[in-house]
Amino acid sequence: MGFLTILKIAYSALTRNKMRSALTMLGIVIGVGSIIAMTGVGAGAQQEIDNQTAAFGTNMVTIRAGGRTEGGIRLVKTNNLTPEDGEMILRECDLITAQTPAIRLVTSVVSAERSWGSQIFGVNTSFTRIRNWGFQSGTMFTDQDYRSGNKVCVLGTTVAANLFGQNDPTGEIIRIQNVPFRVVGVLEPKGQLAGGQDQDDLIIIPFTTFLKRLTGKSELDYLYVSVRTSQDMNAAIEQVRNTLRSSHRIPAWGDDDFSIRTQDQVNEVAKSISKTVSVLMIIVASISLVVGGIGIMNIMLVSVTERTREIGIRMAIGATEQDILMQFLVEAIVLSLMGGVIGLIIGILTAQAVETFTQWSVSITGMSIIVSMSFSASVGIFFGFYPAKKAASLNPIEALRFE
């Protein structure tokens, strides 16, 4: 028999009992749909993390105060970073192009008509360059504002929207802890981090103003530094570490009393977690494919039993074992592929629904579609072979006598 003839016979056999065929495909539909949706969400998460890395500043290094270990005992964390540390790093590390101290406070902010709780960062004029952050309106405060400790500020878009709505707040006055600040600019929106933190919910003011008007503490929460190129990152981190250890008089055997992180390191952790979750979800979805394959094998075995006399007649009029084997194998593959196509459509629609309702980024690649459909066809071949082989091995005379 030709392949088209076998295909027509397979189609006729499957449509003879539509409900049974549909239920048989269900496991394949669920499995393929889940794999497509999960890989789409996972790939989108990976892309979102890459975008956040670029938005955060690919050459940025964050230095935080950290605890020290002495005698095998981890001491409590102490804030031992100072603005002088940042100046020394910029002066002595030739791979560092900019630095800013950063001190943080969470408090309420008030405009003429509204209030909003946000985080206030005291930084210098290099902050936006280090963070690769542009402006929606206005400008950054000036070096003169920094030196003089002027009461000026730059708003993130979330703060601007909650205090002033759709109006441009540049030139307006807000109050931070009852201290009036003039808005000189609004930052471009950056969106949320992978952990859900809103990057645009912040206000930046001169570090000197922060110390003079809001708090008297001089210890820093962070030091942000910018590396000349991403290729220099490891060497720059080593320069920074050696400079700080020397500044803090840490002996050769002592642990660092600070920690250094790059955005790539932070995002690699997020990527690793995202990838692990995606793999686990795909494994669970693959179980549905295996269950679907077992369902196909069971139904095909039932079909062989029901059509034993038909098989005997075909063999009697000239069909070979190869013809019978191909007939039942094609039926199994068609079942599997039909389920795969339906699952593919459902998976794409599910991924788009997730993107629409959760605002998560979703990316369905051609490779994920090819892999899913190949896996679907493989399930049909693997689980359909035994019933097909059993049908082909029937004795024609015994098959004709079967009632």
Protein backbone atom coordinates (compact mmCIF):
# COMPACT_ATOMS: atom_id res chain seq x y z
CA MET A 1 0.00 0.00 0.00
CA GLY A 2 1.13 3.55 -0.71
CA PHE A 3 1.64 6.03 2.09
CA LEU A 4 -1.38 8.14 1.07
CA THR A 5 -3.58 5.04 1.19
CA ILE A 6 -2.27 4.19 4.66
CA LEU A 7 -2.89 7.78 5.75
CA LYS A 8 -6.49 7.68 4.49
CA ILE A 9 -7.15 4.39 6.28
CA ALA A 10 -5.63 5.82 9.50
CA TYR A 11 -7.80 8.94 9.24
CA SER A 12 -10.91 6.83 8.64
CA ALA A 13 -10.13 4.61 11.65
CA LEU A 14 -9.56 7.59 13.97
CA THR A 15 -12.68 9.51 12.91
CA ARG A 16 -14.81 6.39 13.32
CA ASN A 17 -14.78 7.03 17.08
CA LYS A 18 -14.17 10.75 17.48
CA MET A 19 -14.73 10.97 21.23
CA ARG A 20 -12.27 8.17 22.00
CA SER A 21 -9.66 9.76 19.72
CA ALA A 22 -10.16 13.16 21.38
CA LEU A 23 -9.77 11.73 24.87
CA THR A 24 -6.68 9.81 23.76
CA MET A 25 -5.07 13.02 22.52
CA LEU A 26 -5.82 14.89 25.76
CA GLY A 27 -2.56 13.99 27.50
CA ILE A 28 -0.55 15.09 24.45
CA VAL A 29 -2.53 18.35 24.24
CA ILE A 30 -1.88 19.17 27.89
CA GLY A 31 1.79 18.19 27.71
CA VAL A 32 2.65 20.15 24.55
CA GLY A 33 0.56 23.14 25.64
CA SER A 34 2.30 23.24 29.02
CA ILE A 35 5.77 22.96 27.48
CA ILE A 36 5.09 25.79 25.00
CA ALA A 37 3.63 28.05 27.69
CA MET A 38 6.38 27.31 30.21
CA THR A 39 9.25 27.75 27.76
CA GLY A 40 7.66 30.99 26.53
CA VAL A 41 7.36 32.42 30.03
CA GLY A 42 10.86 31.17 30.94
CA ALA A 43 12.48 32.66 27.82
CA GLY A 44 10.64 35.91 28.45
CA ALA A 45 11.93 35.99 32.02
CA GLN A 46 15.49 35.47 30.79
CA GLN A 47 15.08 38.32 28.28
CA GLU A 48 13.59 40.57 30.94
CA ILE A 49 16.57 39.94 33.20
CA ASP A 50 18.95 40.81 30.34
CA ASN A 51 17.00 44.02 29.73
CA GLN A 52 17.21 44.90 33.41
CA THR A 53 20.96 44.33 33.36
CA ALA A 54 21.32 46.82 30.51
CA ALA A 55 18.96 49.28 32.19
CA PHE A 56 20.72 49.02 35.54
CA GLY A 57 24.13 49.65 34.03
CA THR A 58 26.21 46.79 32.68
CA ASN A 59 29.48 48.27 33.97
CA MET A 60 28.19 49.14 37.44
CA VAL A 61 29.64 47.66 40.62
CA THR A 62 27.86 47.91 43.97
CA ILE A 63 29.87 47.94 47.20
CA ARG A 64 28.09 47.30 50.47
CA ALA A 65 29.24 47.25 54.05
CA GLY A 66 29.56 43.71 55.40
CA GLY A 67 30.37 41.81 58.58
CA ARG A 68 33.83 40.53 59.46
CA THR A 69 34.90 37.10 60.63
CA GLU A 70 37.35 36.79 63.49
CA GLY A 71 38.31 33.55 65.18
CA GLY A 72 35.75 31.67 63.11
CA ILE A 73 32.93 33.86 64.42
CA ARG A 74 30.89 36.04 62.06
CA LEU A 75 30.64 39.49 63.62
CA VAL A 76 27.60 41.72 63.22
CA LYS A 77 27.38 43.93 60.18
CA THR A 78 28.86 47.40 60.60
CA ASN A 79 28.40 50.35 58.26
CA ASN A 80 32.03 51.20 57.67
CA LEU A 81 31.91 52.67 54.16
CA THR A 82 32.51 56.41 53.91
CA PRO A 83 32.49 58.99 51.11
CA GLU A 84 36.28 59.08 51.43
CA ASP A 85 36.37 55.42 50.37
CA GLY A 86 34.65 56.32 47.13
CA GLU A 87 37.03 59.22 46.47
CA MET A 88 40.01 56.98 47.15
CA ILE A 89 38.71 54.31 44.77
CA LEU A 90 38.28 56.87 41.99
CA ARG A 91 41.72 58.28 42.66
CA GLU A 92 43.70 55.05 42.93
CA CYS A 93 41.84 52.62 40.62
CA ASP A 94 42.54 53.50 37.01
CA LEU A 95 39.80 51.15 35.74
CA ILE A 96 37.10 53.08 37.63
CA THR A 97 35.61 56.02 35.72
CA ALA A 98 33.02 57.33 38.20
CA GLN A 99 31.79 56.78 41.74
CA THR A 100 28.97 57.95 43.95
CA PRO A 101 28.21 57.45 47.61
CA ALA A 102 24.63 56.39 48.26
CA ILE A 103 22.65 56.77 51.45
CA ARG A 104 18.99 55.75 51.67
CA LEU A 105 15.94 56.76 53.65
CA VAL A 106 12.30 55.63 53.34
CA THR A 107 9.85 58.36 54.25
CA SER A 108 6.73 60.25 53.18
CA VAL A 109 6.90 62.94 50.52
CA VAL A 110 4.31 65.71 50.16
CA SER A 111 3.37 67.94 47.23
CA ALA A 112 0.84 70.77 47.31
CA GLU A 113 -2.11 68.35 47.07
CA ARG A 114 -0.86 64.77 47.54
CA SER A 115 1.48 62.60 49.58
CA TRP A 116 3.43 59.46 48.75
CA GLY A 117 5.80 57.13 50.58
CA SER A 118 9.06 56.59 48.72
CA GLN A 119 12.78 55.98 49.15
CA ILE A 120 15.16 58.91 49.12
CA PHE A 121 18.72 58.45 47.89
CA GLY A 122 21.53 60.87 48.61
CA VAL A 123 24.03 60.65 45.74
CA ASN A 124 26.36 62.80 43.65
CA THR A 125 26.02 63.95 40.05
CA SER A 126 27.59 60.74 38.67
CA PHE A 127 24.64 58.60 39.79
CA THR A 128 22.64 58.78 36.54
CA ARG A 129 25.73 58.12 34.43
CA ILE A 130 26.69 55.08 36.50
CA ARG A 131 23.12 53.77 36.40
CA ASN A 132 22.77 54.54 32.69
CA TRP A 133 19.65 56.56 33.48
CA GLY A 134 18.25 59.24 31.18
CA PHE A 135 15.74 62.00 31.82
CA GLN A 136 12.09 62.30 30.86
CA SER A 137 12.15 66.01 31.62
CA GLY A 138 14.49 68.50 33.26
CA THR A 139 18.07 67.67 34.21
CA MET A 140 20.25 66.29 36.97
CA PHE A 141 21.18 68.60 39.82
CA THR A 142 24.51 70.33 39.24
CA ASP A 143 27.94 70.07 40.85
CA GLN A 144 27.25 73.48 42.39
CA ASP A 145 24.05 72.10 43.95
CA TYR A 146 26.12 69.23 45.34
CA ARG A 147 28.87 71.43 46.77
CA SER A 148 26.43 73.92 48.28
CA GLY A 149 23.98 71.33 49.62
CA ASN A 150 21.07 72.93 47.76
CA LYS A 151 17.55 71.64 48.35
CA VAL A 152 16.90 70.21 44.89
CA CYS A 153 15.71 66.77 43.83
CA VAL A 154 15.05 64.48 40.86
CA LEU A 155 11.96 62.27 40.84
CA GLY A 156 11.37 58.78 39.50
CA THR A 157 8.31 58.49 37.28
CA THR A 158 6.28 56.58 39.89
CA VAL A 159 6.77 59.34 42.44
CA ALA A 160 6.07 62.04 39.84
CA ALA A 161 2.82 60.35 38.77
CA ASN A 162 1.58 59.89 42.34
CA LEU A 163 2.40 63.44 43.42
CA PHE A 164 1.58 65.40 40.25
CA GLY A 165 -0.47 63.10 38.00
CA GLN A 166 0.12 63.82 34.32
CA ASN A 167 1.62 67.26 34.94
CA ASP A 168 5.35 67.92 34.54
CA PRO A 169 6.64 68.48 38.10
CA THR A 170 9.84 70.25 37.00
CA GLY A 171 10.11 73.48 38.98
CA GLU A 172 7.50 72.41 41.56
CA ILE A 173 8.14 72.15 45.30
CA ILE A 174 7.82 68.97 47.38
CA ARG A 175 8.48 68.43 51.08
CA ILE A 176 10.64 65.65 52.48
CA GLN A 177 10.45 65.47 56.27
CA ASN A 178 8.98 68.98 56.15
CA VAL A 179 12.01 70.28 54.22
CA PRO A 180 11.09 71.97 50.90
CA PHE A 181 12.87 70.67 47.77
CA ARG A 182 12.62 72.05 44.24
CA VAL A 183 12.15 69.43 41.51
CA VAL A 184 14.75 69.88 38.76
CA GLY A 185 14.09 66.77 36.71
CA VAL A 186 12.20 63.50 36.19
CA LEU A 187 14.04 60.27 35.33
CA GLU A 188 13.10 58.02 32.44
CA PRO A 189 11.02 54.98 33.48
CA LYS A 190 12.91 51.73 34.02
CA GLY A 191 10.13 49.45 35.28
CA GLN A 192 10.24 46.66 37.82
CA LEU A 193 13.09 44.38 38.75
CA ALA A 194 12.69 40.59 38.58
CA GLY A 195 11.80 40.56 42.28
CA GLY A 196 8.97 43.06 41.75
CA GLN A 197 10.78 46.14 43.11
CA ASP A 198 9.76 49.34 41.30
CA GLN A 199 12.95 51.08 40.15
CA ASP A 200 11.01 54.28 39.43
CA ASP A 201 9.75 54.70 43.00
CA LEU A 202 12.63 56.86 44.22
CA ILE A 203 13.83 60.42 44.70
CA ILE A 204 17.48 61.41 44.39
CA ILE A 205 18.95 64.46 46.10
CA PRO A 206 22.53 65.70 46.59
CA PHE A 207 24.41 63.59 49.12
CA THR A 208 25.55 66.73 50.93
CA THR A 209 21.96 67.94 51.25
CA PHE A 210 20.90 64.54 52.57
CA LEU A 211 23.49 64.76 55.36
CA LYS A 212 22.72 68.38 56.18
CA ARG A 213 18.92 68.34 56.01
CA LEU A 214 17.65 64.80 56.52
CA THR A 215 20.15 62.86 58.64
CA GLY A 216 23.41 63.36 60.40
CA LYS A 217 24.91 59.94 59.77
CA SER A 218 27.95 59.73 57.52
CA GLU A 219 28.12 55.95 57.01
CA LEU A 220 27.01 54.84 53.57
CA ASP A 221 24.52 52.19 52.55
CA TYR A 222 26.28 51.70 49.21
CA LEU A 223 29.07 52.85 46.99
CA TYR A 224 28.31 52.68 43.27
CA VAL A 225 31.24 52.71 40.88
CA SER A 226 31.45 52.48 37.09
CA VAL A 227 34.06 50.32 35.37
CA ARG A 228 35.73 51.53 32.18
CA THR A 229 34.58 48.52 30.10
CA SER A 230 32.82 45.26 30.87
CA GLN A 231 36.00 43.41 29.86
CA ASP A 232 37.82 45.15 32.72
CA MET A 233 35.25 44.08 35.32
CA ASN A 234 37.25 41.38 37.12
CA ALA A 235 40.44 43.44 37.19
CA ALA A 236 38.51 46.50 38.40
CA ILE A 237 36.88 44.53 41.22
CA GLU A 238 40.32 43.35 42.34
CA GLN A 239 41.60 46.95 42.33
CA VAL A 240 38.62 48.09 44.39
CA ARG A 241 39.02 45.22 46.85
CA ASN A 242 42.73 45.92 47.39
CA THR A 243 42.09 49.65 47.82
CA LEU A 244 39.35 49.16 50.41
CA ARG A 245 41.30 46.52 52.33
CA SER A 246 44.21 48.93 52.52
CA SER A 247 41.96 51.82 53.54
CA HIS A 248 40.24 49.74 56.24
CA ARG A 249 43.57 48.31 57.46
CA ILE A 250 42.47 44.70 57.05
CA PRO A 251 45.35 42.23 57.58
CA ALA A 252 46.23 39.70 54.89
CA TRP A 253 44.50 36.88 56.82
CA GLY A 254 41.37 38.93 57.59
CA ASP A 255 38.06 38.77 55.73
CA ASP A 256 36.68 41.71 53.79
CA ASP A 257 34.41 43.97 55.84
CA PHE A 258 32.51 44.84 52.66
CA SER A 259 30.96 43.00 49.74
CA ILE A 260 31.27 43.71 46.04
CA ARG A 261 28.58 42.75 43.56
CA THR A 262 28.07 43.36 39.90
CA GLN A 263 24.64 43.50 38.28
CA ASP A 264 25.63 40.51 36.16
CA GLN A 265 26.21 38.48 39.33
CA VAL A 266 22.82 39.46 40.74
CA ASN A 267 21.07 38.65 37.49
CA GLU A 268 22.92 35.34 37.07
CA VAL A 269 21.35 34.23 40.35
CA ALA A 270 17.93 35.35 39.09
CA LYS A 271 18.54 33.57 35.78
CA SER A 272 19.60 30.40 37.57
CA ILE A 273 16.45 30.41 39.69
CA SER A 274 14.28 31.16 36.65
CA LYS A 275 15.94 28.40 34.65
CA THR A 276 15.56 25.87 37.47
CA VAL A 277 11.86 26.66 37.86
CA SER A 278 11.35 26.46 34.08
CA VAL A 279 13.11 23.07 33.89
CA LEU A 280 11.00 21.69 36.75
CA MET A 281 7.83 22.90 35.05
CA ILE A 282 8.89 21.37 31.74
CA ILE A 283 9.61 18.06 33.49
CA VAL A 284 6.11 18.11 34.98
CA ALA A 285 4.68 18.94 31.53
CA SER A 286 6.71 16.12 30.00
CA ILE A 287 5.07 13.68 32.40
CA SER A 288 1.76 14.63 30.78
CA LEU A 289 3.26 13.70 27.42
CA VAL A 290 4.35 10.32 28.74
CA VAL A 291 0.90 9.74 30.24
CA GLY A 292 -0.59 10.74 26.90
CA GLY A 293 1.71 8.29 25.15
CA ILE A 294 0.60 5.50 27.47
CA GLY A 295 -2.99 6.42 26.67
CA ILE A 296 -2.23 6.16 22.95
CA MET A 297 -0.66 2.73 23.44
CA ASN A 298 -3.64 1.46 25.43
CA ILE A 299 -6.18 2.69 22.89
CA MET A 300 -4.16 1.28 20.01
CA LEU A 301 -4.03 -2.11 21.75
CA VAL A 302 -7.81 -1.98 22.15
CA SER A 303 -8.09 -1.00 18.49
CA VAL A 304 -5.93 -3.98 17.44
CA THR A 305 -8.22 -6.32 19.39
CA GLU A 306 -11.38 -4.77 17.93
CA ARG A 307 -10.04 -4.89 14.37
CA THR A 308 -8.43 -8.34 14.46
CA ARG A 309 -10.83 -9.72 11.85
CA GLU A 310 -10.24 -6.65 9.64
CA ILE A 311 -6.48 -7.24 9.87
CA GLY A 312 -6.99 -10.88 8.88
CA ILE A 313 -9.03 -9.87 5.81
CA ARG A 314 -6.37 -7.37 4.70
CA MET A 315 -3.64 -9.92 5.06
CA ALA A 316 -5.76 -12.45 3.12
CA ILE A 317 -6.09 -10.09 0.15
CA GLY A 318 -2.39 -9.28 0.01
CA ALA A 319 -1.43 -6.79 2.74
CA THR A 320 2.04 -7.51 4.14
CA GLU A 321 3.19 -7.36 7.75
CA GLN A 322 4.98 -4.12 6.84
CA ASP A 323 1.68 -2.63 5.57
CA ILE A 324 -0.15 -3.52 8.80
CA LEU A 325 2.74 -2.23 10.93
CA MET A 326 2.78 1.08 9.04
CA GLN A 327 -1.01 1.42 9.21
CA PHE A 328 -1.20 1.22 13.01
CA LEU A 329 2.02 3.18 13.52
CA VAL A 330 0.73 6.01 11.33
CA GLU A 331 -2.53 6.05 13.32
CA ALA A 332 -0.55 6.49 16.55
CA ILE A 333 1.63 9.22 15.03
CA VAL A 334 -1.39 11.07 13.61
CA LEU A 335 -3.07 10.96 17.03
CA SER A 336 0.07 12.30 18.66
CA LEU A 337 0.68 15.03 16.07
CA MET A 338 -2.94 16.19 16.11
CA GLY A 339 -2.72 16.46 19.88
CA GLY A 340 0.60 18.30 19.48
CA VAL A 341 -0.89 20.86 17.07
CA ILE A 342 -3.86 21.52 19.35
CA GLY A 343 -1.50 21.72 22.35
CA LEU A 344 0.72 24.15 20.44
CA ILE A 345 -2.20 26.48 19.76
CA ILE A 346 -3.40 26.27 23.36
CA GLY A 347 0.16 26.86 24.66
CA ILE A 348 0.62 29.98 22.52
CA LEU A 349 -2.79 31.36 23.57
CA THR A 350 -1.99 30.61 27.23
CA ALA A 351 1.38 32.38 26.99
CA GLN A 352 -0.25 35.41 25.38
CA ALA A 353 -2.89 35.45 28.12
CA VAL A 354 -0.17 35.36 30.78
CA GLU A 355 1.59 38.27 29.06
CA THR A 356 -1.64 40.28 28.83
CA PHE A 357 -2.91 39.77 32.36
CA THR A 358 0.36 39.76 34.31
CA GLN A 359 2.47 42.10 32.14
CA TRP A 360 5.24 39.46 32.16
CA SER A 361 7.41 39.26 29.11
CA VAL A 362 6.80 36.08 27.06
CA SER A 363 9.00 34.84 24.23
CA ILE A 364 8.00 31.76 22.19
CA THR A 365 10.85 30.70 19.93
CA GLY A 366 10.78 28.59 16.81
CA MET A 367 13.12 26.12 18.49
CA SER A 368 10.68 25.49 21.35
CA ILE A 369 7.93 24.78 18.79
CA ILE A 370 10.15 22.40 16.82
CA VAL A 371 11.28 20.57 19.97
CA SER A 372 7.72 20.23 21.28
CA MET A 373 6.35 18.89 18.00
CA SER A 374 9.32 16.53 17.59
CA PHE A 375 8.76 15.24 21.10
CA SER A 376 5.07 14.78 20.29
CA ALA A 377 5.86 12.76 17.16
CA SER A 378 8.43 10.71 19.09
CA VAL A 379 5.81 9.83 21.70
CA GLY A 380 3.53 8.54 18.94
CA ILE A 381 6.30 6.43 17.42
CA PHE A 382 7.55 5.07 20.74
CA PHE A 383 4.19 4.18 22.27
CA GLY A 384 2.56 3.20 18.98
CA PHE A 385 5.23 0.75 17.89
CA TYR A 386 4.26 -2.11 20.24
CA PRO A 387 0.54 -2.17 19.26
CA ALA A 388 1.54 -1.85 15.58
CA LYS A 389 4.03 -4.71 15.94
CA LYS A 390 1.40 -6.82 17.67
CA ALA A 391 -1.07 -6.19 14.83
CA ALA A 392 1.52 -7.06 12.18
CA SER A 393 2.42 -10.30 13.98
CA LEU A 394 -1.13 -11.71 13.91
CA ASN A 395 -1.65 -15.02 12.12
CA PRO A 396 -4.02 -14.33 9.19
CA ILE A 397 -6.00 -17.55 9.63
CA GLU A 398 -6.47 -17.03 13.39
CA ALA A 399 -7.33 -13.37 12.76
CA LEU A 400 -10.07 -14.40 10.28
CA ARG A 401 -11.54 -16.81 12.86
CA PHE A 402 -11.58 -14.10 15.57
CA GLU A 403 -15.05 -13.16 16.80
